[in-house]
PDB file of N, CA and C in Angstrom:
ATOM      1  N   MET A   1     170.672 113.011 123.429  1.00  0.00           N
ATOM      2  CA  MET A   1     171.763 113.840 123.859  1.00  0.00           C
ATOM      3  C   MET A   1     173.051 113.197 123.490  1.00  0.00           C
ATOM      4  N   GLY A   2     173.726 112.542 123.334  1.00  0.00           N
ATOM      5  CA  GLY A   2     174.961 111.974 122.961  1.00  0.00           C
ATOM      6  C   GLY A   2     176.114 112.522 123.758  1.00  0.00           C
ATOM      7  N   GLY A   3     177.199 111.790 123.722  1.00  0.00           N
ATOM      8  CA  GLY A   3     178.395 112.263 124.406  1.00  0.00           C
ATOM      9  C   GLY A   3     178.275 112.164 125.908  1.00  0.00           C
ATOM     10  N   ASP A   4     178.903 113.096 126.599  1.00  0.00           N
ATOM     11  CA  ASP A   4     178.918 113.104 128.055  1.00  0.00           C
ATOM     12  C   ASP A   4     177.561 113.502 128.595  1.00  0.00           C
ATOM     13  N   THR A   5     176.931 112.589 129.309  1.00  0.00           N
ATOM     14  CA  THR A   5     175.595 112.864 129.874  1.00  0.00           C
ATOM     15  C   THR A   5     175.635 112.978 131.379  1.00  0.00           C
ATOM     16  N   SER A   6     176.823 113.084 131.968  1.00  0.00           N
ATOM     17  CA  SER A   6     176.906 113.121 133.420  1.00  0.00           C
ATOM     18  C   SER A   6     176.148 114.306 134.000  1.00  0.00           C
ATOM     19  N   ALA A   7     176.245 115.481 133.376  1.00  0.00           N
ATOM     20  CA  ALA A   7     175.517 116.655 133.882  1.00  0.00           C
ATOM     21  C   ALA A   7     174.025 116.444 133.722  1.00  0.00           C
ATOM     22  N   ALA A   8     173.609 115.925 132.574  1.00  0.00           N
ATOM     23  CA  ALA A   8     172.196 115.708 132.305  1.00  0.00           C
ATOM     24  C   ALA A   8     171.602 114.703 133.287  1.00  0.00           C
ATOM     25  N   ALA A   9     172.384 113.696 133.653  1.00  0.00           N
ATOM     26  CA  ALA A   9     171.894 112.670 134.553  1.00  0.00           C
ATOM     27  C   ALA A   9     171.701 113.232 135.958  1.00  0.00           C
ATOM     28  N   SER A  10     172.302 114.370 136.253  1.00  0.00           N
ATOM     29  CA  SER A  10     172.245 114.948 137.584  1.00  0.00           C
ATOM     30  C   SER A  10     170.976 115.743 137.851  1.00  0.00           C
ATOM     31  N   PHE A  11     170.262 116.145 136.815  1.00  0.00           N
ATOM     32  CA  PHE A  11     168.997 116.839 137.038  1.00  0.00           C
ATOM     33  C   PHE A  11     167.866 116.008 136.485  1.00  0.00           C
ATOM     34  N   THR A  12     166.681 116.226 137.051  1.00  0.00           N
ATOM     35  CA  THR A  12     165.509 115.456 136.650  1.00  0.00           C
ATOM     36  C   THR A  12     165.009 115.953 135.279  1.00  0.00           C
ATOM     37  N   SER A  13     164.119 115.180 134.701  1.00  0.00           N
ATOM     38  CA  SER A  13     163.519 115.560 133.408  1.00  0.00           C
ATOM     39  C   SER A  13     162.824 116.923 133.521  1.00  0.00           C
ATOM     40  N   LYS A  14     162.085 117.115 134.600  1.00  0.00           N
ATOM     41  CA  LYS A  14     161.378 118.383 134.785  1.00  0.00           C
ATOM     42  C   LYS A  14     162.367 119.544 134.958  1.00  0.00           C
ATOM     43  N   GLN A  15     163.415 119.306 135.738  1.00  0.00           N
ATOM     44  CA  GLN A  15     164.422 120.342 135.906  1.00  0.00           C
ATOM     45  C   GLN A  15     165.085 120.651 134.564  1.00  0.00           C
ATOM     46  N   GLY A  16     165.323 119.627 133.763  1.00  0.00           N
ATOM     47  CA  GLY A  16     165.905 119.827 132.451  1.00  0.00           C
ATOM     48  C   GLY A  16     165.022 120.702 131.581  1.00  0.00           C
ATOM     49  N   GLN A  17     163.718 120.511 131.668  1.00  0.00           N
ATOM     50  CA  GLN A  17     162.791 121.339 130.871  1.00  0.00           C
ATOM     51  C   GLN A  17     162.844 122.806 131.327  1.00  0.00           C
ATOM     52  N   TYR A  18     162.912 123.023 132.613  1.00  0.00           N
ATOM     53  CA  TYR A  18     163.038 124.392 133.123  1.00  0.00           C
ATOM     54  C   TYR A  18     164.348 125.012 132.669  1.00  0.00           C
ATOM     55  N   LEU A  19     165.429 124.257 132.724  1.00  0.00           N
ATOM     56  CA  LEU A  19     166.730 124.790 132.297  1.00  0.00           C
ATOM     57  C   LEU A  19     166.724 125.075 130.814  1.00  0.00           C
ATOM     58  N   ALA A  20     166.124 124.192 130.003  1.00  0.00           N
ATOM     59  CA  ALA A  20     166.030 124.418 128.565  1.00  0.00           C
ATOM     60  C   ALA A  20     165.166 125.664 128.264  1.00  0.00           C
ATOM     61  N   PHE A  21     164.104 125.832 129.049  1.00  0.00           N
ATOM     62  CA  PHE A  21     163.249 126.999 128.870  1.00  0.00           C
ATOM     63  C   PHE A  21     164.047 128.292 129.141  1.00  0.00           C
ATOM     64  N   ILE A  22     164.833 128.277 130.220  1.00  0.00           N
ATOM     65  CA  ILE A  22     165.656 129.442 130.533  1.00  0.00           C
ATOM     66  C   ILE A  22     166.598 129.736 129.383  1.00  0.00           C
ATOM     67  N   TYR A  23     167.227 128.704 128.846  1.00  0.00           N
ATOM     68  CA  TYR A  23     168.165 128.901 127.730  1.00  0.00           C
ATOM     69  C   TYR A  23     167.441 129.544 126.538  1.00  0.00           C
ATOM     70  N   TRP A  24     166.375 128.929 126.078  1.00  0.00           N
ATOM     71  CA  TRP A  24     165.711 129.406 124.868  1.00  0.00           C
ATOM     72  C   TRP A  24     165.018 130.743 125.075  1.00  0.00           C
ATOM     73  N   TYR A  25     164.381 130.940 126.225  1.00  0.00           N
ATOM     74  CA  TYR A  25     163.710 132.208 126.477  1.00  0.00           C
ATOM     75  C   TYR A  25     164.739 133.339 126.447  1.00  0.00           C
ATOM     76  N   THR A  26     165.866 133.128 127.110  1.00  0.00           N
ATOM     77  CA  THR A  26     166.900 134.159 127.189  1.00  0.00           C
ATOM     78  C   THR A  26     167.499 134.403 125.795  1.00  0.00           C
ATOM     79  N   LYS A  27     167.703 133.346 125.052  1.00  0.00           N
ATOM     80  CA  LYS A  27     168.270 133.496 123.700  1.00  0.00           C
ATOM     81  C   LYS A  27     167.324 134.264 122.788  1.00  0.00           C
ATOM     82  N   LEU A  28     166.033 133.962 122.844  1.00  0.00           N
ATOM     83  CA  LEU A  28     165.042 134.632 121.980  1.00  0.00           C
ATOM     84  C   LEU A  28     164.686 136.050 122.413  1.00  0.00           C
ATOM     85  N   ASN A  29     164.649 136.281 123.721  1.00  0.00           N
ATOM     86  CA  ASN A  29     164.176 137.563 124.242  1.00  0.00           C
ATOM     87  C   ASN A  29     165.285 138.479 124.757  1.00  0.00           C
ATOM     88  N   ARG A  30     166.487 137.947 124.834  1.00  0.00           N
ATOM     89  CA  ARG A  30     167.655 138.713 125.322  1.00  0.00           C
ATOM     90  C   ARG A  30     167.479 139.215 126.745  1.00  0.00           C
ATOM     91  N   VAL A  31     166.625 138.555 127.465  1.00  0.00           N
ATOM     92  CA  VAL A  31     166.403 138.835 128.886  1.00  0.00           C
ATOM     93  C   VAL A  31     165.933 137.534 129.514  1.00  0.00           C
ATOM     94  N   ALA A  32     166.314 137.323 130.754  1.00  0.00           N
ATOM     95  CA  ALA A  32     165.921 136.076 131.442  1.00  0.00           C
ATOM     96  C   ALA A  32     164.413 136.058 131.681  1.00  0.00           C
ATOM     97  N   PRO A  33     163.819 134.870 131.760  1.00  0.00           N
ATOM     98  CA  PRO A  33     162.385 134.770 132.023  1.00  0.00           C
ATOM     99  C   PRO A  33     162.056 135.199 133.436  1.00  0.00           C
ATOM    100  N   ALA A  34     160.878 135.780 133.591  1.00  0.00           N
ATOM    101  CA  ALA A  34     160.323 136.072 134.915  1.00  0.00           C
ATOM    102  C   ALA A  34     159.563 134.823 135.356  1.00  0.00           C
ATOM    103  N   GLU A  35     159.313 134.686 136.633  1.00  0.00           N
ATOM    104  CA  GLU A  35     158.568 133.532 137.107  1.00  0.00           C
ATOM    105  C   GLU A  35     157.208 133.422 136.413  1.00  0.00           C
ATOM    106  N   ALA A  36     156.592 134.530 136.095  1.00  0.00           N
ATOM    107  CA  ALA A  36     155.296 134.511 135.396  1.00  0.00           C
ATOM    108  C   ALA A  36     155.412 133.864 134.022  1.00  0.00           C
ATOM    109  N   ASP A  37     156.577 133.965 133.376  1.00  0.00           N
ATOM    110  CA  ASP A  37     156.780 133.343 132.064  1.00  0.00           C
ATOM    111  C   ASP A  37     156.781 131.827 132.194  1.00  0.00           C
ATOM    112  N   PHE A  38     157.373 131.313 133.263  1.00  0.00           N
ATOM    113  CA  PHE A  38     157.355 129.877 133.534  1.00  0.00           C
ATOM    114  C   PHE A  38     155.924 129.410 133.785  1.00  0.00           C
ATOM    115  N   VAL A  39     155.180 130.184 134.567  1.00  0.00           N
ATOM    116  CA  VAL A  39     153.777 129.832 134.888  1.00  0.00           C
ATOM    117  C   VAL A  39     152.985 129.664 133.604  1.00  0.00           C
ATOM    118  N   ARG A  40     153.126 130.610 132.681  1.00  0.00           N
ATOM    119  CA  ARG A  40     152.392 130.547 131.420  1.00  0.00           C
ATOM    120  C   ARG A  40     152.861 129.380 130.552  1.00  0.00           C
ATOM    121  N   TYR A  41     154.147 129.185 130.436  1.00  0.00           N
ATOM    122  CA  TYR A  41     154.649 128.136 129.542  1.00  0.00           C
ATOM    123  C   TYR A  41     154.337 126.735 130.059  1.00  0.00           C
ATOM    124  N   PHE A  42     154.577 126.493 131.338  1.00  0.00           N
ATOM    125  CA  PHE A  42     154.392 125.150 131.902  1.00  0.00           C
ATOM    126  C   PHE A  42     153.002 124.911 132.467  1.00  0.00           C
ATOM    127  N   ASN A  43     152.186 125.969 132.515  1.00  0.00           N
ATOM    128  CA  ASN A  43     150.836 125.858 133.040  1.00  0.00           C
ATOM    129  C   ASN A  43     150.838 125.266 134.459  1.00  0.00           C
ATOM    130  N   VAL A  44     151.642 125.879 135.302  1.00  0.00           N
ATOM    131  CA  VAL A  44     151.756 125.473 136.689  1.00  0.00           C
ATOM    132  C   VAL A  44     151.544 126.697 137.588  1.00  0.00           C
ATOM    133  N   SER A  45     151.452 126.459 138.891  1.00  0.00           N
ATOM    134  CA  SER A  45     151.217 127.579 139.807  1.00  0.00           C
ATOM    135  C   SER A  45     152.499 128.358 140.072  1.00  0.00           C
ATOM    136  N   ALA A  46     152.333 129.595 140.469  1.00  0.00           N
ATOM    137  CA  ALA A  46     153.455 130.456 140.788  1.00  0.00           C
ATOM    138  C   ALA A  46     154.300 129.861 141.936  1.00  0.00           C
ATOM    139  N   PRO A  47     153.685 129.324 143.003  1.00  0.00           N
ATOM    140  CA  PRO A  47     154.503 128.718 144.064  1.00  0.00           C
ATOM    141  C   PRO A  47     155.327 127.526 143.550  1.00  0.00           C
ATOM    142  N   SER A  48     154.796 126.764 142.593  1.00  0.00           N
ATOM    143  CA  SER A  48     155.549 125.638 142.021  1.00  0.00           C
ATOM    144  C   SER A  48     156.778 126.138 141.283  1.00  0.00           C
ATOM    145  N   VAL A  49     156.621 127.192 140.517  1.00  0.00           N
ATOM    146  CA  VAL A  49     157.731 127.772 139.796  1.00  0.00           C
ATOM    147  C   VAL A  49     158.775 128.308 140.772  1.00  0.00           C
ATOM    148  N   HIS A  50     158.339 129.033 141.753  1.00  0.00           N
ATOM    149  CA  HIS A  50     159.258 129.608 142.723  1.00  0.00           C
ATOM    150  C   HIS A  50     160.073 128.523 143.412  1.00  0.00           C
ATOM    151  N   GLN A  51     159.403 127.442 143.786  1.00  0.00           N
ATOM    152  CA  GLN A  51     160.105 126.329 144.428  1.00  0.00           C
ATOM    153  C   GLN A  51     161.152 125.728 143.488  1.00  0.00           C
ATOM    154  N   MET A  52     160.776 125.530 142.229  1.00  0.00           N
ATOM    155  CA  MET A  52     161.726 124.960 141.264  1.00  0.00           C
ATOM    156  C   MET A  52     162.929 125.877 141.069  1.00  0.00           C
ATOM    157  N   ILE A  53     162.702 127.168 140.996  1.00  0.00           N
ATOM    158  CA  ILE A  53     163.796 128.119 140.829  1.00  0.00           C
ATOM    159  C   ILE A  53     164.733 128.038 142.029  1.00  0.00           C
ATOM    160  N   LYS A  54     164.164 127.934 143.215  1.00  0.00           N
ATOM    161  CA  LYS A  54     164.982 127.801 144.433  1.00  0.00           C
ATOM    162  C   LYS A  54     165.828 126.521 144.384  1.00  0.00           C
ATOM    163  N   ILE A  55     165.231 125.422 143.912  1.00  0.00           N
ATOM    164  CA  ILE A  55     165.950 124.143 143.836  1.00  0.00           C
ATOM    165  C   ILE A  55     167.072 124.240 142.796  1.00  0.00           C
ATOM    166  N   LEU A  56     166.753 124.791 141.627  1.00  0.00           N
ATOM    167  CA  LEU A  56     167.779 124.905 140.580  1.00  0.00           C
ATOM    168  C   LEU A  56     168.945 125.772 141.044  1.00  0.00           C
ATOM    169  N   HIS A  57     168.636 126.802 141.812  1.00  0.00           N
ATOM    170  CA  HIS A  57     169.676 127.674 142.348  1.00  0.00           C
ATOM    171  C   HIS A  57     170.492 126.938 143.410  1.00  0.00           C
ATOM    172  N   ALA A  58     169.821 126.281 144.331  1.00  0.00           N
ATOM    173  CA  ALA A  58     170.508 125.551 145.407  1.00  0.00           C
ATOM    174  C   ALA A  58     171.406 124.453 144.850  1.00  0.00           C
ATOM    175  N   ASP A  59     170.982 123.815 143.765  1.00  0.00           N
ATOM    176  CA  ASP A  59     171.776 122.736 143.160  1.00  0.00           C
ATOM    177  C   ASP A  59     172.888 123.254 142.226  1.00  0.00           C
ATOM    178  N   GLY A  60     172.921 124.567 142.035  1.00  0.00           N
ATOM    179  CA  GLY A  60     173.990 125.174 141.241  1.00  0.00           C
ATOM    180  C   GLY A  60     173.762 125.180 139.733  1.00  0.00           C
ATOM    181  N   TRP A  61     172.539 124.870 139.277  1.00  0.00           N
ATOM    182  CA  TRP A  61     172.248 124.859 137.824  1.00  0.00           C
ATOM    183  C   TRP A  61     172.033 126.270 137.285  1.00  0.00           C
ATOM    184  N   ILE A  62     171.619 127.175 138.177  1.00  0.00           N
ATOM    185  CA  ILE A  62     171.424 128.596 137.777  1.00  0.00           C
ATOM    186  C   ILE A  62     172.036 129.477 138.860  1.00  0.00           C
ATOM    187  N   SER A  63     172.275 130.708 138.483  1.00  0.00           N
ATOM    188  CA  SER A  63     172.620 131.728 139.467  1.00  0.00           C
ATOM    189  C   SER A  63     171.521 132.784 139.354  1.00  0.00           C
ATOM    190  N   ARG A  64     171.326 133.513 140.407  1.00  0.00           N
ATOM    191  CA  ARG A  64     170.312 134.574 140.400  1.00  0.00           C
ATOM    192  C   ARG A  64     170.626 135.551 141.515  1.00  0.00           C
ATOM    193  N   THR A  65     170.022 136.723 141.397  1.00  0.00           N
ATOM    194  CA  THR A  65     170.164 137.735 142.439  1.00  0.00           C
ATOM    195  C   THR A  65     168.809 137.893 143.107  1.00  0.00           C
ATOM    196  N   PRO A  66     168.680 137.379 144.335  1.00  0.00           N
ATOM    197  CA  PRO A  66     167.384 137.487 145.031  1.00  0.00           C
ATOM    198  C   PRO A  66     166.923 138.945 145.102  1.00  0.00           C
ATOM    199  N   GLY A  67     165.641 139.150 144.822  1.00  0.00           N
ATOM    200  CA  GLY A  67     165.061 140.479 144.883  1.00  0.00           C
ATOM    201  C   GLY A  67     165.216 141.270 143.585  1.00  0.00           C
ATOM    202  N   GLU A  68     165.991 140.738 142.651  1.00  0.00           N
ATOM    203  CA  GLU A  68     166.169 141.440 141.359  1.00  0.00           C
ATOM    204  C   GLU A  68     165.463 140.633 140.286  1.00  0.00           C
ATOM    205  N   GLY A  69     164.532 141.262 139.617  1.00  0.00           N
ATOM    206  CA  GLY A  69     163.769 140.601 138.577  1.00  0.00           C
ATOM    207  C   GLY A  69     164.622 140.201 137.384  1.00  0.00           C
ATOM    208  N   ARG A  70     164.272 139.091 136.760  1.00  0.00           N
ATOM    209  CA  ARG A  70     164.910 138.594 135.537  1.00  0.00           C
ATOM    210  C   ARG A  70     166.411 138.499 135.670  1.00  0.00           C
ATOM    211  N   SER A  71     166.858 137.979 136.815  1.00  0.00           N
ATOM    212  CA  SER A  71     168.304 137.867 137.071  1.00  0.00           C
ATOM    213  C   SER A  71     168.825 136.454 136.934  1.00  0.00           C
ATOM    214  N   ILE A  72     168.005 135.516 136.473  1.00  0.00           N
ATOM    215  CA  ILE A  72     168.404 134.124 136.322  1.00  0.00           C
ATOM    216  C   ILE A  72     169.472 134.004 135.246  1.00  0.00           C
ATOM    217  N   ARG A  73     170.558 133.295 135.569  1.00  0.00           N
ATOM    218  CA  ARG A  73     171.618 133.024 134.619  1.00  0.00           C
ATOM    219  C   ARG A  73     171.882 131.512 134.641  1.00  0.00           C
ATOM    220  N   LEU A  74     171.860 130.904 133.491  1.00  0.00           N
ATOM    221  CA  LEU A  74     172.078 129.483 133.352  1.00  0.00           C
ATOM    222  C   LEU A  74     173.556 129.142 133.596  1.00  0.00           C
ATOM    223  N   ARG A  75     173.790 128.056 134.321  1.00  0.00           N
ATOM    224  CA  ARG A  75     175.152 127.633 134.585  1.00  0.00           C
ATOM    225  C   ARG A  75     175.423 126.256 133.991  1.00  0.00           C
ATOM    226  N   VAL A  76     174.592 125.830 133.064  1.00  0.00           N
ATOM    227  CA  VAL A  76     174.714 124.541 132.427  1.00  0.00           C
ATOM    228  C   VAL A  76     175.037 124.762 130.953  1.00  0.00           C
ATOM    229  N   PRO A  77     176.058 124.114 130.413  1.00  0.00           N
ATOM    230  CA  PRO A  77     176.352 124.286 128.989  1.00  0.00           C
ATOM    231  C   PRO A  77     175.203 123.786 128.130  1.00  0.00           C
ATOM    232  N   ARG A  78     174.969 124.458 127.007  1.00  0.00           N
ATOM    233  CA  ARG A  78     173.877 124.124 126.099  1.00  0.00           C
ATOM    234  C   ARG A  78     173.886 122.646 125.722  1.00  0.00           C
ATOM    235  N   GLU A  79     175.039 122.081 125.506  1.00  0.00           N
ATOM    236  CA  GLU A  79     175.120 120.674 125.068  1.00  0.00           C
ATOM    237  C   GLU A  79     174.637 119.682 126.124  1.00  0.00           C
ATOM    238  N   HIS A  80     174.470 120.108 127.346  1.00  0.00           N
ATOM    239  CA  HIS A  80     173.966 119.242 128.411  1.00  0.00           C
ATOM    240  C   HIS A  80     172.461 119.394 128.623  1.00  0.00           C
ATOM    241  N   LEU A  81     171.844 120.299 127.892  1.00  0.00           N
ATOM    242  CA  LEU A  81     170.400 120.531 128.080  1.00  0.00           C
ATOM    243  C   LEU A  81     169.580 119.640 127.146  1.00  0.00           C
ATOM    244  N   PRO A  82     168.419 119.188 127.631  1.00  0.00           N
ATOM    245  CA  PRO A  82     167.539 118.428 126.753  1.00  0.00           C
ATOM    246  C   PRO A  82     166.825 119.377 125.785  1.00  0.00           C
ATOM    247  N   ASP A  83     166.175 118.808 124.786  1.00  0.00           N
ATOM    248  CA  ASP A  83     165.334 119.603 123.900  1.00  0.00           C
ATOM    249  C   ASP A  83     164.129 120.093 124.683  1.00  0.00           C
ATOM    250  N   LEU A  84     163.705 121.307 124.413  1.00  0.00           N
ATOM    251  CA  LEU A  84     162.510 121.840 125.071  1.00  0.00           C
ATOM    252  C   LEU A  84     161.281 121.224 124.427  1.00  0.00           C
ATOM    253  N   GLU A  85     160.428 120.665 125.234  1.00  0.00           N
ATOM    254  CA  GLU A  85     159.217 120.003 124.748  1.00  0.00           C
ATOM    255  C   GLU A  85     158.050 120.934 124.738  1.00  0.00           C
TER     256      GLU A  85
END
């Protein structure tokens, strides 16, 4: 990553992967990922994804509209995101 890493240092590696996934999924599909998309990509349980989304929202890394599908919006600049693995 180079340059200012203060934002990157504030989220964990796993959180960074979720944020990078949101960025790339939205860029490629022109719609935010659903929780089921995270389940398939990361091969984790639905409750794990839901908990991570809640954490990312609470920490201010994403915004979302509860009860509205595919409403996740990234609040982290692209240059602060890690590469998606």
